[in-house]
Protein backbone atom coordinates (compact mmCIF):
# COMPACT_ATOMS: atom_id res chain seq x y z
CA UNK A 1 -21.52 -5.24 -9.18
CA UNK A 2 -23.85 -7.75 -10.96
CA UNK A 3 -21.60 -6.75 -13.71
CA UNK A 4 -18.47 -8.17 -12.48
CA UNK A 5 -20.04 -10.90 -10.36
CA UNK A 6 -21.22 -12.49 -14.32
CA UNK A 7 -18.19 -11.51 -15.71
CA UNK A 8 -16.65 -13.80 -12.77
CA UNK A 9 -19.40 -16.67 -13.45
CA UNK A 10 -18.38 -16.61 -17.19
CA UNK A 11 -14.94 -16.63 -16.08
CA UNK A 12 -13.45 -16.95 -12.66
CA UNK A 13 -9.96 -17.30 -13.90
CA UNK A 14 -9.99 -13.93 -15.33
CA UNK A 15 -11.49 -12.18 -12.35
CA UNK A 16 -10.03 -14.02 -9.79
CA UNK A 17 -13.15 -13.30 -7.50
CA UNK A 18 -16.88 -13.21 -7.74
CA UNK A 19 -16.68 -9.94 -6.34
CA UNK A 20 -14.77 -6.64 -6.59
CA UNK A 21 -12.14 -5.43 -4.55
CA UNK A 22 -13.50 -3.12 -1.35
CA UNK A 23 -12.71 0.44 -0.36
CA UNK A 24 -11.31 -0.88 2.11
CA UNK A 25 -8.43 -2.85 0.15
CA UNK A 26 -8.56 0.03 -2.40
CA UNK A 27 -7.12 2.23 0.36
CA UNK A 28 -4.70 0.02 1.75
CA UNK A 29 -3.11 -0.50 -1.68
CA UNK A 30 -2.68 3.38 -2.40
CA UNK A 31 -1.91 3.91 1.25
CA UNK A 32 1.73 4.99 0.00
CA UNK A 33 0.65 6.87 -3.43
CA UNK A 34 2.01 10.37 -3.15
CA UNK A 35 -0.99 12.00 -4.26
CA UNK A 36 0.35 15.48 -3.23
CA UNK A 37 1.97 16.22 -6.84
CA UNK A 38 1.24 15.31 -10.47
CA UNK A 39 1.76 11.23 -10.70
CA UNK A 40 1.48 8.45 -13.33
CA UNK A 41 -0.47 5.64 -12.31
CA UNK A 42 -1.18 2.51 -14.71
CA UNK A 43 -3.89 -0.03 -13.10
CA UNK A 44 -3.69 -3.46 -14.12
CA UNK A 45 -6.78 -5.46 -14.38
CA UNK A 46 -9.41 -2.59 -13.60
CA UNK A 47 -12.53 -4.27 -13.52
CA UNK A 48 -15.34 -2.04 -13.19
CA UNK A 49 -13.46 0.32 -11.16
CA UNK A 50 -13.65 -0.45 -7.81
CA UNK A 51 -10.09 0.77 -7.55
CA UNK A 52 -10.29 2.91 -10.22
CA UNK A 53 -12.32 5.12 -8.79
CA UNK A 54 -10.65 5.64 -5.11
CA UNK A 55 -7.83 6.21 -7.67
CA UNK A 56 -9.28 9.39 -9.55
CA UNK A 57 -11.18 10.89 -6.41
CA UNK A 58 -7.54 11.77 -5.36
CA UNK A 59 -5.34 12.39 -7.98
CA UNK A 60 -4.20 16.23 -9.09
CA UNK A 61 -5.09 17.85 -11.68
CA UNK A 62 -2.21 16.87 -14.64
CA UNK A 63 -1.90 13.40 -13.33
CA UNK A 64 -2.84 10.30 -15.56
CA UNK A 65 -4.37 6.77 -15.05
CA UNK A 66 -3.73 4.05 -17.54
CA UNK A 67 -6.03 1.41 -16.63
CA UNK A 68 -6.32 -1.95 -18.47
CA UNK A 69 -9.22 -4.60 -18.46
CA UNK A 70 -8.82 -7.31 -21.27
CA UNK A 71 -13.09 -8.41 -20.46
CA UNK A 72 -15.06 -6.57 -22.68
CA UNK A 73 -18.30 -6.38 -20.67
CA UNK A 74 -15.88 -5.01 -17.33
CA UNK A 75 -14.09 -2.57 -19.92
CA UNK A 76 -17.76 -1.20 -20.68
CA UNK A 77 -18.72 -0.45 -17.63
CA UNK A 78 -14.78 1.13 -16.66
CA UNK A 79 -14.81 3.36 -19.65
CA UNK A 80 -18.34 5.05 -18.75
CA UNK A 81 -16.23 6.65 -15.85
CA UNK A 82 -14.97 9.22 -18.65
CA UNK A 83 -12.64 11.36 -16.27
CA UNK A 84 -10.13 13.66 -17.71
CA UNK A 85 -7.42 11.87 -16.39
CA UNK A 86 -8.24 8.20 -17.32
CA UNK A 87 -7.02 6.52 -20.08
CA UNK A 88 -9.19 3.12 -20.42
CA UNK A 89 -7.22 0.37 -22.61
CA UNK A 90 -9.21 -2.72 -23.63
CA UNK A 91 -6.08 -4.97 -23.90
CA UNK A 92 -3.90 -7.77 -22.50
CA UNK A 93 -1.73 -6.21 -20.08
CA UNK A 94 1.18 -8.56 -21.75
CA UNK A 95 0.87 -5.44 -24.41
CA UNK A 96 1.64 -3.19 -21.63
CA UNK A 97 4.64 -1.60 -23.15
CA UNK A 98 3.27 -0.93 -26.69
CA UNK A 99 0.93 1.80 -24.52
CA UNK A 100 3.02 2.85 -21.27
CA UNK A 101 6.99 4.40 -22.07
CA UNK A 102 9.60 2.77 -20.38
CA UNK A 103 10.59 5.00 -16.68
CA UNK A 104 7.59 6.89 -17.24
CA UNK A 105 5.04 5.57 -14.48
CA UNK A 106 5.32 6.64 -11.03
CA UNK A 107 3.02 3.65 -9.63
CA UNK A 108 1.59 0.17 -11.20
CA UNK A 109 -1.73 -0.98 -8.97
CA UNK A 110 -2.46 -4.36 -9.97
CA UNK A 111 -5.41 -6.49 -9.59
CA UNK A 112 -4.06 -9.39 -11.74
CA UNK A 113 -5.23 -12.84 -10.28
CA UNK A 114 -1.46 -13.87 -10.63
CA UNK A 115 -2.22 -17.33 -9.06
CA UNK A 116 -3.65 -18.26 -12.55
CA UNK A 117 -1.47 -17.44 -14.90
CA UNK A 118 1.47 -18.98 -16.45
CA UNK A 119 4.95 -18.65 -14.70
CA UNK A 120 6.05 -17.51 -18.08
CA UNK A 121 3.40 -14.95 -18.13
CA UNK A 122 4.00 -13.43 -15.08
CA UNK A 123 7.49 -12.88 -15.64
CA UNK A 124 6.70 -11.45 -18.76
CA UNK A 125 4.21 -8.85 -17.10
CA UNK A 126 6.52 -8.45 -14.21
CA UNK A 127 9.10 -7.82 -16.42
CA UNK A 128 6.89 -4.29 -18.10
CA UNK A 129 6.09 -3.63 -15.11
CA UNK A 130 9.62 -3.11 -14.01
CA UNK A 131 10.82 -1.58 -17.63
CA UNK A 132 7.64 1.07 -17.41
CA UNK A 133 8.47 2.29 -13.47
CA UNK A 134 10.64 5.04 -12.44
CA UNK A 135 13.26 4.56 -10.69
CA UNK A 136 12.22 4.03 -7.04
CA UNK A 137 8.39 3.86 -8.33
CA UNK A 138 6.59 1.11 -6.82
CA UNK A 139 4.40 -2.17 -8.27
CA UNK A 140 1.69 -2.53 -5.76
CA UNK A 141 0.07 -6.08 -6.33
CA UNK A 142 -2.40 -7.55 -4.02
CA UNK A 143 -3.15 -11.49 -3.85
CA UNK A 144 -5.28 -13.69 -2.00
CA UNK A 145 -2.42 -16.04 -1.15
CA UNK A 146 1.55 -15.82 -0.67
CA UNK A 147 2.43 -17.74 -3.61
CA UNK A 148 4.32 -15.20 -5.88
CA UNK A 149 5.61 -13.76 -2.94
CA UNK A 150 9.24 -15.63 -4.31
CA UNK A 151 8.74 -14.96 -7.98
CA UNK A 152 8.43 -10.62 -6.86
CA UNK A 153 11.47 -10.68 -4.26
CA UNK A 154 13.47 -12.05 -7.36
CA UNK A 155 12.15 -9.61 -9.79
CA UNK A 156 12.28 -5.97 -6.86
CA UNK A 157 14.92 -5.27 -5.00
CA UNK A 158 12.62 -4.41 -2.07
CA UNK A 159 8.87 -6.19 -1.43
CA UNK A 160 7.10 -5.36 1.98
CA UNK A 161 4.05 -7.45 2.98
CA UNK A 162 0.46 -5.67 3.87
CA UNK A 163 -2.96 -7.27 4.85
CA UNK A 164 -6.25 -6.47 4.48
CA UNK A 165 -9.10 -8.53 6.34
CA UNK A 166 -12.05 -6.44 5.25
CA UNK A 167 -12.18 -7.69 1.71
CA UNK A 168 -13.73 -10.70 -0.07
CA UNK A 169 -11.53 -12.74 0.50
CA UNK A 170 -9.29 -11.27 2.39
CA UNK A 171 -5.75 -9.98 0.89
CA UNK A 172 -2.28 -9.33 0.58
CA UNK A 173 -0.78 -6.39 -0.42
CA UNK A 174 2.89 -6.96 -2.25
CA UNK A 175 4.57 -3.13 -2.05
CA UNK A 176 7.52 -3.60 -4.35
CA UNK A 177 9.87 -0.92 -5.20
CA UNK A 178 12.03 -0.60 -8.36
């Protein structure tokens, strides 16, 4: 927790919050994930692994979690999880397609602070997410505002909205299906 707070203090625009995501938010985000079969999940903006740990705790043998974190301090903490299903990546999510094959991912789960990114960057990331998702796959994104709702609706044919009040701050969750 201290690692995340320190990273947030140094670059709040990159972390998007001063505190890590709650276990309630992780549970709400992943409620539609089918953990009864092997899945390939990509996590964007994994931080120190608060959502990552939740995912790993439910994944079956044969599943894979590719977790992106650009901040070196947070990545160091994330990579210390050392689970066989976890593939930590210390790189910009804009290079997603260099690490993950097109149409190979069941779910993309994102904690990226979209509100802090330029429109062109958001469009690039969402286009890459669409490319790596299998048909019928889901992009699950939490945000603290509804500002990017029109963008997600433009990029994905079906977008549903959830809300988790037990998080600091409370968070909206987009469930976007390819």
